[in-house]
Amino acid sequence: MKRTPLPRSRRIAPAVAVAAAAALTLAGCSSGSGGKKAEESGAAASAGKANTPRMTIAMVTHAPSGDTFWDTIRKGAEAAAAKDNVKLIYSNDETAGDQANLVQNAIDQKVDGIAVTLAKPDAMKAVVAKAEKAGIPVVGFNAGLSDWKKQGLMSFFGQDESVSGQALGTKLNTTGAKHTLCVIQAQGDINLEERCAGVKKTFSGKTDILYVNGTDMPSVKSTITAKLTQDKSIDEVVTLGAPFALTAAQSASEAGSKAKVATFDLNKDLISAIEKGSIQFAVDQQPYLQGYLAVDSLWLYKTNGNYSGGGEQPILTGPAFVDKSNVDAVAKFAAKGTR
């Protein structure tokens, strides 16, 4: 479904749009009319849960199985679905062609909306166009910042991966690091490639890229260990996911390396590692928020015609740094699996 641009005089500034969406979410969009359908009255929620007609939303991601980061995204999506009286159909496949097939399945089921990641945008372009042609609203999240508007998606929720990589590289300049190894667990994934490219752009020292097979953690460990054993000048390892950071810390120990470890993304085990000092810091993009907003935005569109970001600007959920100075404030939420 192609977005119909509003006249500039009627567009909401992105910051105002975000605030309005947050207000609607927190207030539950309650209305004094009580019993009327949302399409007729704009009424949505009562006592924190929507009384709007039941709808079905498909969430299709490029997540590999067993990655706790994506569990957090799913929890956010499920929380929004429970509030919004939405039946959520979640599916994932890290192979781009198979992910496209999952979107086609959602189209065939005639869902009311689709939330999709664009880790490999070219592979998703044709099927996204099919969804839009079928009149199904589509939003993007997590991956696809550079492509969501090109492909006609209504909104995007995530972080600018290049900016987050540059922020991490800049932070490393304050730590005394001289030689960084940036570990990419899925070659060709645009998000991951942009992160390491961002680190390389702003880090004043040397940056090497190491590709590993993210679906085989023992292989990840042995590959990083071998690299650190071979090159003792590496004094920093940057990973692109919490499980890989924890594995990299083990690799550094086994290799007798003095390299420190920083990472993108969180889970409860990583929070504990930051508290103990075995991981320096993490860049948090708030995956729970990405999942929540993706589903909630489709509900808002279907029930009230809202475009998050006005259909013109992405809604950024990161980056933010979590280190020893603020980890305690995040730990209680990470323990619940929501950060």
Foldseek 3Di string as FASTA:
>chain_A
DFDDADPPVPFDAQVVLVVVLVVCQVVLQADPVPPDALQVPVHFADPQAGPHDEFEEEEEELDDPPALLVVLLVLLLVVLCRRRNYHYHYDHHNDLLVSLVVLVVVVVVVGQEYEYAPQPVVSNLVSLVVCVVSVHAYEYEDHDQPNCVVSRHLAYEWADLLVLLLVVLQVVQVVPFAEEEEEDQDPSRNSSVSNLVSNCVRNPHHYHYHYFNNVDLVRLLVRLLVVCLVDQSGAEYEYEGQVSQVSNLVSCVVSVHNHAYEYEDDALVSLVCLQVPNHAKYWYQQSSVRSNCRNNQSSCCVSPNDRNSSSPHHHGRDTDMDHNVCSVVCNVVNVVSND
